[in-house]
């Protein structure tokens, strides 16, 4: 059970205080919400992890809602403590990294197996990797310990309770307002320096956007203006950059496959050229949509998003994996 009591947040005139263009609900209390979320999501995470350790399932443990709460807690907890905790949690989640990458790679390569003969051999190689990674991860998951992470989160919950007594609801909103504004400004700065020929600039922007998105997502229940449609749009924006990173990892996997297996060099080169073509298309699709970033914060007036008509270039691409979060 949470240690927080319900508290109304209002100013002296009885009007709601909050973000520009994103009025909070009448019972909004940021610190109570964060304390409740941390308590609930940590309990749920441990339950799913235990289930995964008994009955292996990647989906059972790959839940990023706890991570999103931790990101927003950074507005109230020292950054070094948040970073250490984030690393601990990501150590759990990253166990699945190679398996998920391989599964995404298979979705791309399968579509090419009928056109490029070497793609079928590449698929077989990736399937063997998937089997091996699944076997290794099943063992690693059973070794995951949560006591250290649990102690850190207990300290966070204690600190949030302390601040809940110390500062007003208006002050708490001001703190998270500033934190989200700063996170968004960081994304915008990185976005301005994106270069089509340097995928590292896109990757850097994606990481910054992911943190901003997690913060908004964690506070979304208190912000009626952050609708489900708005959250889907943010996820789609992140996925565009994620698809580019997926292709980067896929090209590296292809190079490794060619080095280890006896394949026709010319055939492998044709497949690589096709993947590079896809990557350039994905980069251009993102560059064309990069300006949509300004729609995400503040969220006023984002009740609807316009549908983009599919082009022939879009239709030639594989459907992007929707499991990315």
Foldseek 3Di string as FASTA:
>chain_A
DFPDDFDFAADPVRDFAFFVQFGFDRRDFPLSLLLVQLVVVVVQLVVLLVVCLVPPDLVSNQDCLNVLSLLLLCLPDPPVLSVVLNVLSVVLNCLCVVLVLLVQLLLQLVVCVVPFVVSVVLNVVSVVVNVVSSVVSNVVSNVDDCPVSVVSSVVSSVSSVVVSVVDGRNVVNVSSNVVLVVLLVVLVVLLVVDDLVDLVSLVVSLVSLVSSLSNCVSCVNGTPLCDPQLNVVSLVLSLLSVVLVSLVVSLVSLVVVVVVDDDDPVSSVVVSVVSVVLSSLSSVVNVVVVVCSVCNPPPRPPPDDDDDDDDPSNVVGRDRDPPDD
